[in-house]
């Protein structure tokens, strides 16, 4: 009886279809290339993010739930390095004062649990900047020929061409 009550309370207490970190999409164009970034956006909820919740020196899925994906329908140059048209998972390797964006050929994976560095196709280093206003939700933005990641009190962008 206890098990049945626990299961029914658990089942009925869930808000089906609503995730704590909602799925989001950022889109934009760079030249003739159409860019799409799909990610799940965690909330800061008053937590220390950079160097704490997202530890320095460890690969991070750059969002929540499934790995963040980056899709382009045309070849791009990212900070002077070529990225062929296609769909990639995006990871972030944050360090104090330097974040590395990692584009990996395995686009369909959950988090970074199966991340394989041998499948990386491109790594680009960016310098994080302090933002004037905090961003409660993790956000990506494709604007001004850059891909931006913004969360809490920091953001970093890489050049797209």
N, C-alpha and C. Protein backbone atom coordinates (compact mmCIF):
# COMPACT_ATOMS: atom_id res chain seq x y z
N UNK A 1 0.82 -1.19 0.00
CA UNK A 1 0.00 0.00 0.00
C UNK A 1 0.87 1.26 0.00
N UNK A 2 1.93 1.27 0.84
CA UNK A 2 2.82 2.41 0.89
C UNK A 2 3.44 2.68 -0.48
N UNK A 3 3.87 1.63 -1.17
CA UNK A 3 4.49 1.79 -2.49
C UNK A 3 3.47 2.40 -3.46
N UNK A 4 2.24 1.93 -3.43
CA UNK A 4 1.22 2.46 -4.33
C UNK A 4 0.96 3.94 -4.05
N UNK A 5 0.91 4.33 -2.79
CA UNK A 5 0.70 5.73 -2.46
C UNK A 5 1.89 6.58 -2.93
N UNK A 6 3.11 6.07 -2.72
CA UNK A 6 4.29 6.81 -3.15
C UNK A 6 4.29 6.99 -4.66
N UNK A 7 4.00 5.93 -5.40
CA UNK A 7 4.00 6.01 -6.87
C UNK A 7 2.92 6.98 -7.34
N UNK A 8 1.70 6.90 -6.75
CA UNK A 8 0.66 7.81 -7.21
C UNK A 8 0.98 9.25 -6.86
N UNK A 9 1.52 9.51 -5.67
CA UNK A 9 1.89 10.88 -5.33
C UNK A 9 3.00 11.38 -6.24
N UNK A 10 3.98 10.52 -6.51
CA UNK A 10 5.08 10.92 -7.38
C UNK A 10 4.56 11.21 -8.79
N UNK A 11 3.74 10.31 -9.31
CA UNK A 11 3.23 10.47 -10.68
C UNK A 11 2.35 11.70 -10.81
N UNK A 12 1.42 11.88 -9.88
CA UNK A 12 0.51 13.01 -9.98
C UNK A 12 1.17 14.32 -9.60
N UNK A 13 2.29 14.26 -8.86
CA UNK A 13 2.99 15.48 -8.47
C UNK A 13 3.86 16.02 -9.59
N UNK A 14 4.06 15.25 -10.65
CA UNK A 14 4.90 15.70 -11.75
C UNK A 14 4.10 16.54 -12.73
N UNK A 15 4.71 17.58 -13.24
CA UNK A 15 4.10 18.41 -14.28
C UNK A 15 4.59 17.86 -15.60
N UNK A 16 3.85 16.93 -16.16
CA UNK A 16 4.29 16.24 -17.38
C UNK A 16 4.50 17.22 -18.51
N UNK A 17 5.61 17.05 -19.21
CA UNK A 17 5.91 17.88 -20.35
C UNK A 17 6.65 19.16 -20.00
N UNK A 18 6.76 19.50 -18.73
CA UNK A 18 7.46 20.73 -18.34
C UNK A 18 8.76 20.36 -17.65
N UNK A 19 9.86 20.81 -18.23
CA UNK A 19 11.17 20.52 -17.67
C UNK A 19 11.64 21.68 -16.80
N UNK A 20 12.45 21.37 -15.82
CA UNK A 20 13.03 22.41 -14.98
C UNK A 20 13.93 23.33 -15.80
N UNK A 21 14.60 22.75 -16.80
CA UNK A 21 15.45 23.51 -17.72
C UNK A 21 14.80 23.42 -19.10
N UNK A 22 14.00 24.42 -19.47
CA UNK A 22 13.20 24.33 -20.69
C UNK A 22 14.06 24.29 -21.97
N UNK A 23 13.57 23.57 -22.99
CA UNK A 23 14.26 23.56 -24.28
C UNK A 23 14.14 24.93 -24.95
N UNK A 24 15.23 25.39 -25.54
CA UNK A 24 15.27 26.69 -26.18
C UNK A 24 15.98 26.56 -27.53
N UNK A 25 15.78 27.58 -28.35
CA UNK A 25 16.44 27.61 -29.66
C UNK A 25 16.89 29.04 -29.95
N UNK A 26 18.12 29.16 -30.44
CA UNK A 26 18.64 30.45 -30.90
C UNK A 26 18.95 30.29 -32.38
N UNK A 27 18.50 31.25 -33.18
CA UNK A 27 18.73 31.17 -34.62
C UNK A 27 19.29 32.50 -35.12
N UNK A 28 19.92 32.44 -36.27
CA UNK A 28 20.44 33.64 -36.89
C UNK A 28 21.09 33.29 -38.21
N UNK A 29 21.51 34.32 -38.91
CA UNK A 29 22.22 34.10 -40.17
C UNK A 29 23.57 34.80 -40.11
N UNK A 30 24.51 34.16 -40.77
CA UNK A 30 25.85 34.71 -40.92
C UNK A 30 26.17 34.58 -42.40
N UNK A 31 26.22 35.70 -43.09
CA UNK A 31 26.35 35.64 -44.55
C UNK A 31 25.13 34.92 -45.10
N UNK A 32 25.35 33.84 -45.83
CA UNK A 32 24.23 33.04 -46.36
C UNK A 32 23.94 31.81 -45.51
N UNK A 33 24.67 31.63 -44.43
CA UNK A 33 24.50 30.45 -43.57
C UNK A 33 23.39 30.68 -42.55
N UNK A 34 22.52 29.69 -42.43
CA UNK A 34 21.48 29.68 -41.40
C UNK A 34 22.01 28.88 -40.21
N UNK A 35 21.98 29.50 -39.06
CA UNK A 35 22.51 28.91 -37.83
C UNK A 35 21.35 28.59 -36.89
N UNK A 36 21.44 27.41 -36.25
CA UNK A 36 20.44 27.04 -35.24
C UNK A 36 21.17 26.38 -34.06
N UNK A 37 20.88 26.88 -32.87
CA UNK A 37 21.43 26.31 -31.64
C UNK A 37 20.26 25.83 -30.80
N UNK A 38 20.25 24.53 -30.46
CA UNK A 38 19.22 23.97 -29.58
C UNK A 38 19.87 23.59 -28.26
N UNK A 39 19.23 24.00 -27.16
CA UNK A 39 19.79 23.76 -25.83
C UNK A 39 18.67 23.75 -24.81
N UNK A 40 18.98 23.25 -23.63
CA UNK A 40 18.07 23.36 -22.50
C UNK A 40 18.67 24.39 -21.56
N UNK A 41 17.83 25.31 -21.07
CA UNK A 41 18.30 26.47 -20.31
C UNK A 41 18.10 26.30 -18.81
N UNK A 42 19.18 25.96 -18.09
CA UNK A 42 19.06 25.90 -16.63
C UNK A 42 18.97 27.31 -16.04
N UNK A 43 18.44 27.38 -14.83
CA UNK A 43 18.34 28.64 -14.08
C UNK A 43 19.46 28.73 -13.05
N UNK A 44 19.91 29.92 -12.78
CA UNK A 44 20.97 30.12 -11.79
C UNK A 44 20.45 29.84 -10.36
N UNK A 45 19.23 30.24 -10.07
CA UNK A 45 18.59 30.02 -8.76
C UNK A 45 19.48 30.44 -7.59
N UNK A 46 20.22 31.54 -7.77
CA UNK A 46 21.05 32.04 -6.68
C UNK A 46 22.35 31.27 -6.47
N UNK A 47 22.61 30.28 -7.28
CA UNK A 47 23.82 29.47 -7.12
C UNK A 47 25.02 30.15 -7.77
N UNK A 48 26.20 29.86 -7.25
CA UNK A 48 27.44 30.31 -7.89
C UNK A 48 27.63 29.41 -9.11
N UNK A 49 27.76 30.00 -10.30
CA UNK A 49 27.79 29.22 -11.54
C UNK A 49 29.22 28.89 -11.96
N UNK A 50 29.95 29.89 -12.42
CA UNK A 50 31.27 29.66 -13.03
C UNK A 50 32.32 29.32 -11.98
N UNK A 51 32.90 28.14 -12.14
CA UNK A 51 33.89 27.65 -11.19
C UNK A 51 33.28 26.86 -10.05
N UNK A 52 31.95 26.84 -9.96
CA UNK A 52 31.25 26.12 -8.88
C UNK A 52 30.31 25.08 -9.50
N UNK A 53 29.07 25.52 -9.84
CA UNK A 53 28.12 24.60 -10.47
C UNK A 53 28.69 24.06 -11.79
N UNK A 54 29.32 24.95 -12.55
CA UNK A 54 30.04 24.57 -13.76
C UNK A 54 31.53 24.68 -13.40
N UNK A 55 32.14 23.55 -13.03
CA UNK A 55 33.53 23.62 -12.54
C UNK A 55 34.53 23.97 -13.64
N UNK A 56 35.56 24.67 -13.25
CA UNK A 56 36.64 24.98 -14.18
C UNK A 56 37.43 23.70 -14.49
N UNK A 57 37.91 23.63 -15.72
CA UNK A 57 38.76 22.51 -16.13
C UNK A 57 38.05 21.22 -16.48
N UNK A 58 36.71 21.25 -16.49
CA UNK A 58 35.93 20.04 -16.82
C UNK A 58 35.00 20.34 -17.99
N UNK A 59 34.89 19.39 -18.90
CA UNK A 59 34.00 19.56 -20.05
C UNK A 59 32.55 19.64 -19.56
N UNK A 60 31.78 20.55 -20.13
CA UNK A 60 30.39 20.77 -19.72
C UNK A 60 29.51 20.76 -20.95
N UNK A 61 28.33 20.22 -20.84
CA UNK A 61 27.40 20.08 -21.97
C UNK A 61 26.85 21.40 -22.49
N UNK A 62 27.23 22.48 -21.89
CA UNK A 62 26.85 23.83 -22.33
C UNK A 62 25.34 24.04 -22.32
N UNK A 63 24.70 23.49 -21.31
CA UNK A 63 23.27 23.59 -21.13
C UNK A 63 22.84 22.53 -20.12
N UNK A 64 21.61 22.06 -20.24
CA UNK A 64 21.11 20.99 -19.38
C UNK A 64 20.53 19.90 -20.27
N UNK A 65 20.27 18.76 -19.67
CA UNK A 65 19.64 17.63 -20.37
C UNK A 65 20.50 17.16 -21.54
N UNK A 66 19.94 17.10 -22.74
CA UNK A 66 20.71 16.65 -23.91
C UNK A 66 21.84 17.65 -24.18
N UNK A 67 22.85 17.18 -24.88
CA UNK A 67 23.94 18.09 -25.25
C UNK A 67 23.39 19.19 -26.15
N UNK A 68 23.93 20.37 -26.00
CA UNK A 68 23.59 21.50 -26.87
C UNK A 68 24.03 21.17 -28.29
N UNK A 69 23.21 21.56 -29.28
CA UNK A 69 23.60 21.32 -30.67
C UNK A 69 23.71 22.64 -31.43
N UNK A 70 24.60 22.63 -32.41
CA UNK A 70 24.85 23.76 -33.29
C UNK A 70 24.73 23.23 -34.71
N UNK A 71 23.89 23.89 -35.51
CA UNK A 71 23.66 23.43 -36.87
C UNK A 71 23.83 24.58 -37.85
N UNK A 72 24.56 24.32 -38.94
CA UNK A 72 24.73 25.30 -40.00
C UNK A 72 24.51 24.62 -41.34
N UNK A 73 23.84 25.32 -42.26
CA UNK A 73 23.59 24.73 -43.58
C UNK A 73 24.67 25.12 -44.59
N UNK A 74 25.66 25.89 -44.17
CA UNK A 74 26.79 26.27 -45.03
C UNK A 74 28.08 26.16 -44.22
N UNK A 75 29.20 25.95 -44.91
CA UNK A 75 30.49 25.95 -44.24
C UNK A 75 30.71 27.31 -43.58
N UNK A 76 31.37 27.30 -42.43
CA UNK A 76 31.66 28.53 -41.69
C UNK A 76 33.15 28.61 -41.36
N UNK A 77 33.57 29.80 -41.04
CA UNK A 77 34.87 30.03 -40.44
C UNK A 77 34.58 30.52 -39.03
N UNK A 78 35.11 29.83 -38.04
CA UNK A 78 34.90 30.22 -36.65
C UNK A 78 36.26 30.62 -36.08
N UNK A 79 36.39 31.89 -35.80
CA UNK A 79 37.68 32.45 -35.37
C UNK A 79 38.81 31.97 -36.27
N UNK A 80 38.54 31.96 -37.59
CA UNK A 80 39.55 31.62 -38.58
C UNK A 80 39.72 30.13 -38.84
N UNK A 81 38.94 29.28 -38.18
CA UNK A 81 39.04 27.83 -38.37
C UNK A 81 37.79 27.34 -39.08
N UNK A 82 37.95 26.42 -40.05
CA UNK A 82 36.82 25.95 -40.85
C UNK A 82 35.95 24.94 -40.09
N UNK A 83 34.63 25.14 -40.21
CA UNK A 83 33.64 24.18 -39.71
C UNK A 83 32.72 23.88 -40.88
N UNK A 84 32.68 22.62 -41.30
CA UNK A 84 31.84 22.21 -42.43
C UNK A 84 30.37 22.28 -42.04
N UNK A 85 29.52 22.50 -43.05
CA UNK A 85 28.07 22.49 -42.84
C UNK A 85 27.70 21.18 -42.15
N UNK A 86 26.76 21.23 -41.21
CA UNK A 86 26.33 20.03 -40.51
C UNK A 86 25.79 20.35 -39.13
N UNK A 87 25.58 19.29 -38.36
CA UNK A 87 25.05 19.41 -37.01
C UNK A 87 26.06 18.83 -36.04
N UNK A 88 26.34 19.58 -34.99
CA UNK A 88 27.36 19.21 -34.02
C UNK A 88 26.83 19.38 -32.61
N UNK A 89 27.40 18.63 -31.66
CA UNK A 89 27.15 18.94 -30.26
C UNK A 89 28.17 20.01 -29.87
N UNK A 90 27.77 20.86 -28.94
CA UNK A 90 28.65 21.93 -28.46
C UNK A 90 28.88 21.71 -26.98
N UNK A 91 30.13 21.72 -26.60
CA UNK A 91 30.51 21.63 -25.20
C UNK A 91 31.32 22.87 -24.86
N UNK A 92 31.47 23.13 -23.59
CA UNK A 92 32.28 24.24 -23.13
C UNK A 92 33.27 23.71 -22.11
N UNK A 93 34.51 24.13 -22.24
CA UNK A 93 35.54 23.81 -21.27
C UNK A 93 35.94 25.13 -20.62
N UNK A 94 35.26 25.50 -19.51
CA UNK A 94 35.54 26.79 -18.88
C UNK A 94 36.76 26.72 -17.96
N UNK A 95 37.52 27.77 -17.98
CA UNK A 95 38.61 27.99 -17.04
C UNK A 95 38.53 29.45 -16.63
N UNK A 96 39.18 29.79 -15.55
CA UNK A 96 39.17 31.17 -15.09
C UNK A 96 39.87 32.04 -16.14
N UNK A 97 39.11 32.91 -16.80
CA UNK A 97 39.67 33.82 -17.78
C UNK A 97 39.74 33.29 -19.20
N UNK A 98 39.32 32.04 -19.43
CA UNK A 98 39.37 31.47 -20.78
C UNK A 98 38.37 30.32 -20.90
N UNK A 99 37.51 30.40 -21.90
CA UNK A 99 36.55 29.33 -22.16
C UNK A 99 36.81 28.76 -23.54
N UNK A 100 36.79 27.45 -23.64
CA UNK A 100 36.97 26.79 -24.93
C UNK A 100 35.64 26.22 -25.41
N UNK A 101 35.18 26.69 -26.57
CA UNK A 101 34.01 26.12 -27.23
C UNK A 101 34.48 24.88 -27.98
N UNK A 102 33.79 23.77 -27.79
CA UNK A 102 34.16 22.50 -28.42
C UNK A 102 33.01 22.05 -29.31
N UNK A 103 33.30 21.84 -30.59
CA UNK A 103 32.32 21.31 -31.55
C UNK A 103 32.67 19.85 -31.77
N UNK A 104 31.71 18.96 -31.50
CA UNK A 104 31.93 17.52 -31.53
C UNK A 104 31.02 16.90 -32.59
N UNK A 105 31.50 15.89 -33.29
CA UNK A 105 30.76 15.30 -34.41
C UNK A 105 29.55 14.47 -33.98
N UNK A 106 29.45 14.09 -32.72
CA UNK A 106 28.31 13.30 -32.24
C UNK A 106 27.26 14.27 -31.70
N UNK A 107 26.25 14.56 -32.53
CA UNK A 107 25.27 15.57 -32.15
C UNK A 107 24.15 15.04 -31.26
N UNK A 108 23.92 13.74 -31.26
CA UNK A 108 22.80 13.17 -30.50
C UNK A 108 23.34 12.43 -29.29
N UNK A 109 23.50 13.17 -28.18
CA UNK A 109 23.97 12.53 -26.95
C UNK A 109 23.38 13.25 -25.75
N UNK A 110 23.31 12.53 -24.64
CA UNK A 110 22.75 13.08 -23.42
C UNK A 110 23.90 13.67 -22.60
N UNK A 111 23.80 14.96 -22.35
CA UNK A 111 24.81 15.61 -21.53
C UNK A 111 26.21 15.41 -22.07
N UNK A 112 27.16 15.26 -21.17
CA UNK A 112 28.56 15.03 -21.55
C UNK A 112 29.02 13.65 -21.09
N UNK A 113 28.06 12.79 -20.74
CA UNK A 113 28.41 11.49 -20.18
C UNK A 113 29.14 10.59 -21.17
N UNK A 114 28.81 10.69 -22.45
CA UNK A 114 29.46 9.88 -23.48
C UNK A 114 30.42 10.71 -24.32
N UNK A 115 30.75 11.91 -23.85
CA UNK A 115 31.65 12.79 -24.60
C UNK A 115 32.96 12.08 -24.91
N UNK A 116 33.39 12.18 -26.17
CA UNK A 116 34.63 11.55 -26.63
C UNK A 116 35.46 12.62 -27.33
N UNK A 117 36.55 13.02 -26.71
CA UNK A 117 37.41 14.06 -27.26
C UNK A 117 37.90 13.71 -28.66
N UNK A 118 38.05 12.42 -28.96
CA UNK A 118 38.51 11.99 -30.29
C UNK A 118 37.51 12.38 -31.39
N UNK A 119 36.27 12.69 -31.02
CA UNK A 119 35.23 13.08 -31.99
C UNK A 119 35.13 14.60 -32.15
N UNK A 120 36.00 15.36 -31.48
CA UNK A 120 36.00 16.81 -31.63
C UNK A 120 36.43 17.18 -33.05
N UNK A 121 35.75 18.14 -33.64
CA UNK A 121 36.11 18.63 -34.97
C UNK A 121 36.69 20.04 -34.92
N UNK A 122 36.41 20.76 -33.82
CA UNK A 122 36.91 22.14 -33.72
C UNK A 122 36.88 22.59 -32.27
N UNK A 123 37.92 23.30 -31.87
CA UNK A 123 37.98 23.95 -30.56
C UNK A 123 38.37 25.39 -30.77
N UNK A 124 37.66 26.30 -30.11
CA UNK A 124 37.90 27.72 -30.25
C UNK A 124 37.90 28.35 -28.85
N UNK A 125 38.93 29.13 -28.56
CA UNK A 125 39.07 29.76 -27.25
C UNK A 125 38.46 31.16 -27.28
N UNK A 126 37.73 31.48 -26.22
CA UNK A 126 37.11 32.80 -26.06
C UNK A 126 37.44 33.35 -24.68
N UNK A 127 37.42 34.66 -24.58
CA UNK A 127 37.64 35.31 -23.29
C UNK A 127 36.30 35.74 -22.72
N UNK A 128 35.92 35.20 -21.55
CA UNK A 128 34.64 35.60 -20.96
C UNK A 128 34.68 37.05 -20.49
N UNK A 129 33.50 37.68 -20.55
CA UNK A 129 33.36 39.07 -20.12
C UNK A 129 32.30 39.14 -19.03
N UNK A 130 32.51 40.03 -18.09
CA UNK A 130 31.52 40.28 -17.04
C UNK A 130 30.37 41.08 -17.65
N UNK A 131 29.13 40.69 -17.35
CA UNK A 131 27.95 41.41 -17.85
C UNK A 131 27.47 42.41 -16.79
N UNK A 132 26.84 43.48 -17.25
CA UNK A 132 26.30 44.49 -16.34
C UNK A 132 25.12 43.94 -15.55
N UNK A 133 24.27 43.17 -16.25
CA UNK A 133 23.10 42.58 -15.59
C UNK A 133 23.20 41.07 -15.67
N UNK A 134 22.77 40.41 -14.61
CA UNK A 134 22.81 38.95 -14.58
C UNK A 134 21.72 38.35 -15.44
N UNK A 135 21.99 37.19 -15.98
CA UNK A 135 21.02 36.43 -16.76
C UNK A 135 20.65 35.19 -15.94
N UNK A 136 19.41 35.15 -15.45
CA UNK A 136 18.95 34.01 -14.64
C UNK A 136 19.01 32.71 -15.42
N UNK A 137 18.53 32.75 -16.67
CA UNK A 137 18.54 31.56 -17.52
C UNK A 137 19.76 31.58 -18.44
N UNK A 138 20.34 30.42 -18.65
CA UNK A 138 21.38 30.28 -19.67
C UNK A 138 20.78 30.67 -21.01
N UNK A 139 21.52 31.42 -21.82
CA UNK A 139 21.01 31.83 -23.12
C UNK A 139 22.12 31.82 -24.16
N UNK A 140 21.74 31.45 -25.37
CA UNK A 140 22.61 31.57 -26.53
C UNK A 140 22.01 32.63 -27.44
N UNK A 141 22.89 33.27 -28.20
CA UNK A 141 22.44 34.29 -29.13
C UNK A 141 23.36 34.27 -30.34
N UNK A 142 22.76 34.31 -31.53
CA UNK A 142 23.52 34.45 -32.77
C UNK A 142 23.25 35.87 -33.24
N UNK A 143 24.28 36.74 -33.12
CA UNK A 143 24.09 38.15 -33.48
C UNK A 143 25.43 38.78 -33.81
N UNK A 144 25.40 39.72 -34.75
CA UNK A 144 26.60 40.48 -35.11
C UNK A 144 27.76 39.56 -35.49
N UNK A 145 27.43 38.48 -36.24
CA UNK A 145 28.43 37.51 -36.70
C UNK A 145 29.18 36.85 -35.54
N UNK A 146 28.46 36.62 -34.45
CA UNK A 146 29.04 35.93 -33.29
C UNK A 146 28.04 34.94 -32.72
N UNK A 147 28.57 33.91 -32.08
CA UNK A 147 27.77 33.01 -31.26
C UNK A 147 28.10 33.36 -29.82
N UNK A 148 27.07 33.75 -29.06
CA UNK A 148 27.24 34.14 -27.67
C UNK A 148 26.63 33.10 -26.75
N UNK A 149 27.28 32.85 -25.61
CA UNK A 149 26.69 32.12 -24.50
C UNK A 149 26.69 33.09 -23.32
N UNK A 150 25.55 33.18 -22.62
CA UNK A 150 25.40 34.12 -21.51
C UNK A 150 24.70 33.40 -20.35
N UNK A 151 25.29 33.53 -19.18
CA UNK A 151 24.63 32.97 -18.00
C UNK A 151 25.21 33.61 -16.76
N UNK A 152 24.34 33.87 -15.82
CA UNK A 152 24.70 34.50 -14.56
C UNK A 152 25.34 35.85 -14.87
N UNK A 153 26.58 36.06 -14.50
CA UNK A 153 27.20 37.37 -14.68
C UNK A 153 28.29 37.39 -15.75
N UNK A 154 28.36 36.34 -16.59
CA UNK A 154 29.39 36.27 -17.63
C UNK A 154 28.81 35.88 -18.99
N UNK A 155 29.54 36.29 -20.03
CA UNK A 155 29.21 35.89 -21.39
C UNK A 155 30.52 35.72 -22.15
N UNK A 156 30.44 34.96 -23.24
CA UNK A 156 31.60 34.79 -24.13
C UNK A 156 31.07 34.58 -25.53
N UNK A 157 31.81 35.11 -26.50
CA UNK A 157 31.40 34.99 -27.89
C UNK A 157 32.54 34.56 -28.78
N UNK A 158 32.18 33.85 -29.86
CA UNK A 158 33.15 33.46 -30.88
C UNK A 158 32.69 34.01 -32.21
N UNK A 159 33.66 34.36 -33.05
CA UNK A 159 33.39 34.99 -34.35
C UNK A 159 32.98 33.96 -35.40
N UNK A 160 31.89 34.24 -36.08
CA UNK A 160 31.39 33.39 -37.16
C UNK A 160 31.51 34.15 -38.48
N UNK A 161 31.99 33.48 -39.51
CA UNK A 161 32.13 34.13 -40.81
C UNK A 161 31.79 33.14 -41.91
